[in-house]
């Protein structure tokens, strides 16, 4: 009788989670799922595996990585590894969790692949931060294999955006131009697709062809915030600060609100072209004009802007008066500027502050590195203050800060007669 009641109350995953893509926090979905499983009230079917793996892919934590691997094993034992959607989601899960080799292993074992499967593997390669160059080359090889595949899978806009991203990261204009040509000869008119158009703008800008990027940008009939940001970043990299500021005005005029990344790119352009007044004016108008609260990276851009221009005291005061706690990156930027401009007194002051920083809460990683100790040591060595050099070296040993292979300037100056 109890068994009958239990069977009648068992639910399928799509009954419990009818709107799972709308979960703002994947962990909420996973914990809810685990609760139903622990009560024995959930039927394991193909949708179950797809749901859990998708949530684990979005969460990207050690606990969900472990859970995803357990789901993989259970799917294998249940005989569901022949299901195309399950395998495609599994590729996405492993790639998102930085295990690209396991993702590729699943991909290679598949006898049937959809365009979504190819996209998951290509996107997985282009999203890797470690060995990114090698992975991007693999993505281009995989794209070629997709075109030659006997199943005749047709690339989608997602495919082309990922392939363009690979070309951008590699900085290979020849490959990028070939992909552009392929796009024009097949289905798409690049300027009419906001995602492909943005990918082309980004690719040409990162490959050094900023005028080609501008031409495509101007031809695009529809632009989103990513398009404007990609163009602004390209102008920043090429030192065209005035045009980047004008671009922001045009963006506002088009009715699209810039995001924090947009401001980072424009501030970067101001830094590289010495537009101190324009950069400061934009920073102070973030709240009033655009309704955005400056973030730590924006404060860092202003410190860099002032430091590069030689306004070291102003940069120091700017950091001290910040409403949020400055991190090591800001102090490191100012220390570098002090060294470049030869203000050794300020450099010593900043260097001491930098070495006193403690790790952020819930972090075991020190915010300072061996390079920070070396930088302060260089300041002392440049004025012949060898006793202070030795003190920095001893403090470095006390803190057990390891130098990178190849030696350091501290070792060099301390061994000098």
Protein backbone atom coordinates (compact mmCIF):
# COMPACT_ATOMS: atom_id res chain seq x y z
CA UNK A 1 0.00 0.00 0.00
CA UNK A 2 2.83 2.43 0.90
CA UNK A 3 4.61 1.59 -2.36
CA UNK A 4 1.44 2.36 -4.32
CA UNK A 5 1.06 5.77 -2.65
CA UNK A 6 4.72 6.59 -3.33
CA UNK A 7 4.43 5.68 -7.01
CA UNK A 8 1.31 7.83 -7.37
CA UNK A 9 3.18 10.81 -5.90
CA UNK A 10 6.31 10.45 -8.02
CA UNK A 11 6.80 13.38 -10.35
CA UNK A 12 8.71 14.01 -13.52
CA UNK A 13 11.29 16.80 -13.56
CA UNK A 14 9.32 18.99 -15.97
CA UNK A 15 6.33 18.84 -13.59
CA UNK A 16 8.43 20.14 -10.71
CA UNK A 17 10.42 22.68 -12.73
CA UNK A 18 8.17 23.88 -15.59
CA UNK A 19 10.13 27.14 -15.94
CA UNK A 20 13.68 26.12 -15.07
CA UNK A 21 15.35 28.45 -17.61
CA UNK A 22 13.90 31.38 -15.64
CA UNK A 23 15.70 30.50 -12.38
CA UNK A 24 17.93 33.46 -11.58
CA UNK A 25 20.16 31.35 -9.33
CA UNK A 26 21.05 27.89 -10.71
CA UNK A 27 21.93 26.68 -7.21
CA UNK A 28 18.31 27.22 -6.15
CA UNK A 29 17.25 24.84 -8.92
CA UNK A 30 19.87 22.27 -7.92
CA UNK A 31 18.98 22.34 -4.21
CA UNK A 32 15.28 22.04 -4.99
CA UNK A 33 16.04 19.13 -7.29
CA UNK A 34 18.20 17.43 -4.64
CA UNK A 35 15.38 17.78 -2.10
CA UNK A 36 12.87 15.99 -4.34
CA UNK A 37 15.38 13.25 -5.13
CA UNK A 38 16.11 12.71 -1.42
CA UNK A 39 12.38 12.21 -0.85
CA UNK A 40 12.25 9.66 -3.65
CA UNK A 41 9.57 11.63 -5.45
CA UNK A 42 11.31 12.33 -8.74
CA UNK A 43 11.49 10.13 -11.82
CA UNK A 44 14.87 10.15 -13.59
CA UNK A 45 14.35 10.67 -17.31
CA UNK A 46 16.29 12.39 -20.09
CA UNK A 47 14.84 15.78 -19.10
CA UNK A 48 16.17 15.26 -15.55
CA UNK A 49 19.73 14.90 -16.77
CA UNK A 50 19.46 17.85 -19.15
CA UNK A 51 18.02 20.05 -16.40
CA UNK A 52 20.63 19.18 -13.76
CA UNK A 53 23.61 19.39 -16.12
CA UNK A 54 22.38 22.74 -17.46
CA UNK A 55 22.05 24.13 -13.93
CA UNK A 56 25.50 22.78 -12.98
CA UNK A 57 27.00 24.38 -16.08
CA UNK A 58 25.60 27.78 -15.08
CA UNK A 59 26.63 27.48 -11.43
CA UNK A 60 30.34 26.68 -11.98
CA UNK A 61 31.29 25.71 -8.42
CA UNK A 62 33.17 22.75 -6.96
CA UNK A 63 30.01 21.26 -5.45
CA UNK A 64 28.07 21.44 -8.71
CA UNK A 65 31.08 20.13 -10.63
CA UNK A 66 31.01 17.06 -8.40
CA UNK A 67 27.24 16.72 -8.85
CA UNK A 68 27.53 17.05 -12.63
CA UNK A 69 30.07 14.26 -12.77
CA UNK A 70 27.78 12.03 -10.69
CA UNK A 71 24.93 12.78 -13.09
CA UNK A 72 27.22 11.82 -15.99
CA UNK A 73 27.90 8.44 -14.35
CA UNK A 74 24.19 7.88 -13.65
CA UNK A 75 23.26 8.81 -17.23
CA UNK A 76 25.81 6.29 -18.49
CA UNK A 77 24.46 3.53 -16.24
CA UNK A 78 20.89 4.39 -17.26
CA UNK A 79 21.70 3.97 -20.94
CA UNK A 80 20.91 7.60 -21.77
CA UNK A 81 24.31 8.43 -23.24
CA UNK A 82 22.86 7.82 -26.69
CA UNK A 83 20.51 10.78 -26.20
CA UNK A 84 21.74 13.69 -28.34
CA UNK A 85 20.49 16.43 -26.01
CA UNK A 86 21.97 14.78 -22.92
CA UNK A 87 25.39 14.52 -24.56
CA UNK A 88 25.26 18.07 -25.91
CA UNK A 89 24.38 19.41 -22.46
CA UNK A 90 27.21 17.32 -21.00
CA UNK A 91 29.69 18.99 -23.39
CA UNK A 92 28.38 22.39 -22.32
CA UNK A 93 28.71 21.41 -18.64
CA UNK A 94 32.33 20.24 -18.88
CA UNK A 95 33.41 23.16 -21.08
CA UNK A 96 31.85 25.70 -18.69
CA UNK A 97 33.68 24.05 -15.80
CA UNK A 98 37.04 24.36 -17.60
CA UNK A 99 37.41 20.64 -18.32
CA UNK A 100 37.71 21.02 -22.08
CA UNK A 101 39.42 17.64 -22.50
CA UNK A 102 36.46 15.76 -21.03
CA UNK A 103 34.09 17.87 -23.13
CA UNK A 104 36.05 16.90 -26.25
CA UNK A 105 36.06 13.25 -25.18
CA UNK A 106 32.25 13.26 -25.02
CA UNK A 107 32.11 15.04 -28.39
CA UNK A 108 34.45 12.56 -30.10
CA UNK A 109 32.43 9.58 -28.86
CA UNK A 110 29.24 10.87 -30.49
CA UNK A 111 28.09 9.18 -33.68
CA UNK A 112 25.39 11.79 -34.26
CA UNK A 113 25.81 15.55 -33.80
CA UNK A 114 23.45 18.47 -34.25
CA UNK A 115 24.43 22.07 -34.95
CA UNK A 116 23.88 22.71 -31.22
CA UNK A 117 26.46 20.00 -30.45
CA UNK A 118 29.06 21.60 -32.73
CA UNK A 119 28.25 25.01 -31.26
CA UNK A 120 28.67 23.74 -27.68
CA UNK A 121 32.12 22.35 -28.48
CA UNK A 122 33.30 25.37 -30.49
CA UNK A 123 32.01 27.80 -27.86
CA UNK A 124 33.64 25.67 -25.18
CA UNK A 125 37.03 26.11 -26.84
CA UNK A 126 36.68 29.87 -27.29
CA UNK A 127 35.63 30.41 -23.66
CA UNK A 128 38.73 28.79 -22.11
CA UNK A 129 41.08 31.18 -20.29
CA UNK A 130 43.94 28.72 -19.85
CA UNK A 131 45.76 27.75 -23.05
CA UNK A 132 43.40 30.13 -24.85
CA UNK A 133 45.48 30.40 -28.02
CA UNK A 134 45.66 26.64 -28.47
CA UNK A 135 41.94 26.27 -27.72
CA UNK A 136 41.02 28.98 -30.24
CA UNK A 137 43.02 27.17 -32.92
CA UNK A 138 41.15 23.99 -32.05
CA UNK A 139 37.89 25.93 -32.45
CA UNK A 140 38.86 26.97 -36.00
CA UNK A 141 39.86 23.39 -36.88
CA UNK A 142 36.54 22.17 -35.48
CA UNK A 143 34.65 24.72 -37.58
CA UNK A 144 36.39 23.40 -40.70
CA UNK A 145 35.45 19.85 -39.66
CA UNK A 146 31.84 20.96 -39.22
CA UNK A 147 31.74 22.29 -42.78
CA UNK A 148 33.19 19.02 -44.09
CA UNK A 149 30.99 16.76 -41.96
CA UNK A 150 28.92 14.27 -43.98
CA UNK A 151 25.81 15.02 -41.92
CA UNK A 152 25.67 18.43 -43.58
CA UNK A 153 25.17 20.50 -40.44
CA UNK A 154 24.70 24.17 -41.32
CA UNK A 155 26.48 26.76 -39.14
CA UNK A 156 24.17 29.06 -37.20
CA UNK A 157 24.69 32.64 -36.08
CA UNK A 158 25.97 31.22 -32.78
CA UNK A 159 28.59 29.22 -34.68
CA UNK A 160 29.81 32.27 -36.55
CA UNK A 161 29.97 34.48 -33.45
CA UNK A 162 32.11 31.85 -31.70
CA UNK A 163 34.40 31.43 -34.71
CA UNK A 164 34.84 35.20 -35.00
CA UNK A 165 35.69 35.27 -31.30
CA UNK A 166 38.43 32.69 -31.93
CA UNK A 167 39.88 34.86 -34.72
CA UNK A 168 39.72 37.92 -32.43
CA UNK A 169 41.59 36.19 -29.63
CA UNK A 170 44.24 34.91 -32.03
CA UNK A 171 44.56 38.28 -33.78
CA UNK A 172 44.57 36.48 -37.14
CA UNK A 173 43.18 38.85 -39.75
CA UNK A 174 43.51 36.33 -42.59
CA UNK A 175 41.33 33.76 -40.80
CA UNK A 176 38.90 36.49 -39.76
CA UNK A 177 38.60 37.84 -43.30
CA UNK A 178 37.99 34.31 -44.62
CA UNK A 179 35.21 33.82 -42.07
CA UNK A 180 33.75 37.21 -43.06
CA UNK A 181 33.75 36.11 -46.69
CA UNK A 182 32.07 32.82 -45.79
CA UNK A 183 29.34 34.69 -43.92
CA UNK A 184 28.63 36.97 -46.88
CA UNK A 185 28.50 34.04 -49.32
CA UNK A 186 26.09 31.97 -47.24
CA UNK A 187 22.94 33.01 -45.42
CA UNK A 188 23.68 36.22 -43.64
CA UNK A 189 24.07 39.84 -44.53
CA UNK A 190 26.46 40.69 -41.66
CA UNK A 191 25.16 44.21 -41.15
CA UNK A 192 21.59 42.95 -40.60
CA UNK A 193 22.50 40.53 -37.80
CA UNK A 194 23.41 42.38 -34.61
CA UNK A 195 25.37 39.46 -33.13
CA UNK A 196 27.42 38.65 -36.21
CA UNK A 197 27.93 42.34 -36.95
CA UNK A 198 29.21 42.87 -33.40
CA UNK A 199 31.51 39.87 -33.78
CA UNK A 200 32.97 41.36 -36.97
CA UNK A 201 33.49 44.76 -35.33
CA UNK A 202 35.30 43.09 -32.44
CA UNK A 203 37.39 40.88 -34.73
CA UNK A 204 38.61 43.66 -37.04
CA UNK A 205 39.34 45.98 -34.12
CA UNK A 206 41.37 43.36 -32.24
CA UNK A 207 43.23 42.35 -35.39
CA UNK A 208 44.39 45.95 -35.90
CA UNK A 209 41.97 47.02 -38.64
CA UNK A 210 40.03 49.67 -36.76
CA UNK A 211 38.80 51.45 -39.90
CA UNK A 212 37.26 48.20 -41.19
CA UNK A 213 35.58 47.80 -37.80
CA UNK A 214 34.20 51.34 -38.06
CA UNK A 215 32.90 50.70 -41.58
CA UNK A 216 30.94 47.63 -40.48
CA UNK A 217 29.73 49.45 -37.36
CA UNK A 218 28.33 52.31 -39.44
CA UNK A 219 26.59 49.91 -41.84
CA UNK A 220 24.81 47.97 -39.09
CA UNK A 221 21.09 48.68 -39.08
CA UNK A 222 20.64 47.45 -35.50
CA UNK A 223 23.11 47.91 -32.66
CA UNK A 224 22.93 46.79 -29.04
CA UNK A 225 25.03 47.72 -26.01
CA UNK A 226 27.59 45.03 -26.90
CA UNK A 227 28.05 46.53 -30.37
CA UNK A 228 28.73 50.00 -29.00
CA UNK A 229 31.04 48.61 -26.32
CA UNK A 230 33.03 46.54 -28.83
CA UNK A 231 33.50 49.65 -30.98
CA UNK A 232 34.50 51.74 -27.97
CA UNK A 233 37.01 49.12 -26.85
CA UNK A 234 38.49 49.03 -30.34
CA UNK A 235 38.92 52.79 -30.39
CA UNK A 236 40.52 52.63 -26.94
CA UNK A 237 43.08 50.03 -27.99
CA UNK A 238 44.01 52.13 -31.02
CA UNK A 239 44.42 55.31 -28.97
CA UNK A 240 41.47 57.17 -30.47
CA UNK A 241 40.13 58.67 -27.27
CA UNK A 242 38.30 61.63 -28.76
CA UNK A 243 36.33 59.33 -31.08
CA UNK A 244 35.53 57.05 -28.12
CA UNK A 245 34.02 59.99 -26.21
CA UNK A 246 32.04 61.03 -29.30
CA UNK A 247 30.86 57.43 -29.65
CA UNK A 248 29.44 57.52 -26.13
CA UNK A 249 27.46 60.67 -26.99
CA UNK A 250 26.12 58.97 -30.13
CA UNK A 251 25.23 55.88 -28.11
CA UNK A 252 23.24 57.98 -25.67
CA UNK A 253 21.55 59.72 -28.58
CA UNK A 254 20.48 56.36 -30.02
CA UNK A 255 18.61 55.54 -26.82
CA UNK A 256 20.91 52.73 -25.67
CA UNK A 257 22.20 52.99 -22.12
CA UNK A 258 25.91 52.21 -21.69
CA UNK A 259 26.88 49.49 -19.22
CA UNK A 260 29.89 49.39 -16.85
CA UNK A 261 32.08 47.71 -19.49
CA UNK A 262 31.31 50.53 -21.94
CA UNK A 263 32.67 53.07 -19.45
CA UNK A 264 35.77 50.97 -18.82
CA UNK A 265 36.56 50.98 -22.55
CA UNK A 266 36.02 54.75 -22.90
CA UNK A 267 38.13 55.50 -19.80
CA UNK A 268 40.85 53.29 -21.26
CA UNK A 269 40.74 55.33 -24.46
CA UNK A 270 41.14 58.54 -22.44
CA UNK A 271 44.12 57.00 -20.60
CA UNK A 272 45.94 56.10 -23.80
CA UNK A 273 45.42 59.53 -25.34
CA UNK A 274 45.90 61.71 -22.26
CA UNK A 275 42.36 63.09 -22.23
CA UNK A 276 42.41 63.84 -18.51
CA UNK A 277 39.70 66.50 -18.49
CA UNK A 278 37.36 64.46 -20.69
CA UNK A 279 37.88 61.32 -18.62
CA UNK A 280 37.29 63.09 -15.30
CA UNK A 281 34.20 64.84 -16.63
CA UNK A 282 32.78 61.52 -17.81
CA UNK A 283 33.54 59.84 -14.48
CA UNK A 284 31.75 62.53 -12.49
CA UNK A 285 28.73 62.31 -14.80
CA UNK A 286 28.25 58.55 -14.46
CA UNK A 287 25.68 58.95 -11.69
CA UNK A 288 23.96 62.16 -12.75
CA UNK A 289 23.88 61.60 -16.50
CA UNK A 290 23.72 57.82 -16.84
CA UNK A 291 22.45 56.65 -13.45
CA UNK A 292 25.37 54.27 -12.92
CA UNK A 293 27.40 53.87 -9.74
CA UNK A 294 31.16 53.78 -10.48
CA UNK A 295 32.73 50.40 -9.72
CA UNK A 296 36.24 49.55 -8.57
CA UNK A 297 37.50 49.13 -12.15
CA UNK A 298 36.30 52.64 -13.02
CA UNK A 299 38.19 54.12 -10.07
CA UNK A 300 41.21 52.17 -11.28
CA UNK A 301 40.90 53.74 -14.73
CA UNK A 302 40.90 57.24 -13.25
CA UNK A 303 43.96 56.48 -11.12
CA UNK A 304 45.69 55.24 -14.27
CA UNK A 305 44.53 58.34 -16.18
CA UNK A 306 45.91 60.74 -13.56
CA UNK A 307 49.08 58.71 -13.00
CA UNK A 308 49.98 58.52 -16.68
CA UNK A 309 49.55 62.29 -16.98
CA UNK A 310 51.83 62.90 -13.99
CA UNK A 311 49.13 64.07 -11.58
CA UNK A 312 50.45 61.84 -8.80
CA UNK A 313 49.23 63.84 -5.80
CA UNK A 314 45.79 64.10 -7.35
CA UNK A 315 45.76 60.34 -7.98
CA UNK A 316 46.78 59.67 -4.37
CA UNK A 317 44.04 61.97 -3.01
CA UNK A 318 41.54 60.36 -5.38
CA UNK A 319 42.29 56.91 -3.92
CA UNK A 320 42.16 58.15 -0.32
CA UNK A 321 38.76 59.81 -0.88
CA UNK A 322 37.18 56.81 -2.63
CA UNK A 323 33.86 55.70 -1.08
CA UNK A 324 34.87 52.05 -1.56
CA UNK A 325 38.00 50.34 -0.26
CA UNK A 326 40.85 50.54 -2.81
CA UNK A 327 42.48 47.27 -3.79
CA UNK A 328 46.08 46.37 -4.61
CA UNK A 329 45.53 47.03 -8.32
CA UNK A 330 44.93 50.75 -7.72
CA UNK A 331 47.96 51.20 -5.48
CA UNK A 332 50.09 49.18 -7.88
CA UNK A 333 49.02 51.44 -10.76
CA UNK A 334 49.98 54.56 -8.80
CA UNK A 335 53.31 53.03 -7.74
CA UNK A 336 54.13 52.32 -11.37
CA UNK A 337 53.27 55.90 -12.33
CA UNK A 338 55.46 57.27 -9.52
CA UNK A 339 58.39 55.22 -10.81
CA UNK A 340 57.86 56.38 -14.40
CA UNK A 341 57.70 60.04 -13.38
CA UNK A 342 60.58 59.78 -10.91
CA UNK A 343 58.64 60.78 -7.79
CA UNK A 344 60.53 58.52 -5.40
CA UNK A 345 59.06 60.05 -2.23
CA UNK A 346 55.52 59.30 -3.36
CA UNK A 347 56.63 55.89 -4.64
CA UNK A 348 57.97 54.97 -1.20
CA UNK A 349 54.77 56.17 0.45
CA UNK A 350 52.57 54.16 -1.92
CA UNK A 351 54.84 51.11 -1.80
CA UNK A 352 54.59 50.92 1.99
CA UNK A 353 50.79 51.11 1.82
CA UNK A 354 50.76 48.37 -0.79
CA UNK A 355 52.87 46.00 1.30
CA UNK A 356 50.60 46.51 4.33
CA UNK A 357 47.47 45.32 2.54
CA UNK A 358 45.73 42.28 3.98
CA UNK A 359 43.84 39.59 2.03
CA UNK A 360 40.16 40.32 1.34
CA UNK A 361 37.61 38.60 3.56
CA UNK A 362 37.01 34.91 2.75
CA UNK A 363 40.21 34.80 0.70
CA UNK A 364 43.46 32.98 1.39
CA UNK A 365 45.30 34.81 -1.38
CA UNK A 366 47.51 37.76 -0.53
CA UNK A 367 46.72 40.86 -2.60
CA UNK A 368 50.42 41.61 -3.11
CA UNK A 369 52.96 39.75 -5.22
CA UNK A 370 56.73 39.43 -5.46
CA UNK A 371 56.66 42.16 -8.13
CA UNK A 372 55.31 44.62 -5.55
CA UNK A 373 58.26 43.96 -3.24
CA UNK A 374 60.62 44.23 -6.18
CA UNK A 375 59.07 47.56 -7.23
CA UNK A 376 59.60 49.10 -3.79
CA UNK A 377 63.11 47.64 -3.65
CA UNK A 378 63.86 49.30 -6.98
CA UNK A 379 62.77 52.65 -5.53
CA UNK A 380 65.24 52.28 -2.65
CA UNK A 381 68.01 50.93 -4.88
CA UNK A 382 67.71 53.86 -7.29
CA UNK A 383 68.67 56.22 -4.45
CA UNK A 384 71.35 53.94 -3.00
CA UNK A 385 69.39 53.09 0.15
CA UNK A 386 70.72 49.55 0.46
CA UNK A 387 69.64 49.09 4.06
CA UNK A 388 66.01 49.58 3.04
CA UNK A 389 66.53 47.19 0.13
CA UNK A 390 67.67 44.54 2.60
CA UNK A 391 64.66 45.26 4.84
CA UNK A 392 62.27 44.70 1.93
CA UNK A 393 64.03 41.47 1.10
CA UNK A 394 63.77 40.24 4.70
CA UNK A 395 60.09 41.14 4.86
CA UNK A 396 59.54 39.22 1.66
CA UNK A 397 61.16 36.15 3.22
CA UNK A 398 59.14 36.58 6.42
CA UNK A 399 55.89 36.68 4.44
CA UNK A 400 57.11 33.68 2.41
CA UNK A 401 56.44 35.44 -0.87
CA UNK A 402 57.96 33.41 -3.68
CA UNK A 403 59.70 35.12 -6.58
CA UNK A 404 59.01 33.99 -10.10
CA UNK A 405 61.62 31.75 -11.77
CA UNK A 406 64.46 33.71 -13.33
CA UNK A 407 65.51 35.71 -10.27
CA UNK A 408 64.56 39.20 -9.22
CA UNK A 409 65.99 42.68 -9.02
CA UNK A 410 66.17 42.33 -5.24
CA UNK A 411 68.60 39.46 -5.62
CA UNK A 412 70.63 41.47 -8.09
CA UNK A 413 70.98 44.65 -6.05
CA UNK A 414 71.56 42.82 -2.77
CA UNK A 415 74.43 40.87 -4.25
CA UNK A 416 76.01 44.06 -5.61
CA UNK A 417 79.21 45.27 -3.89
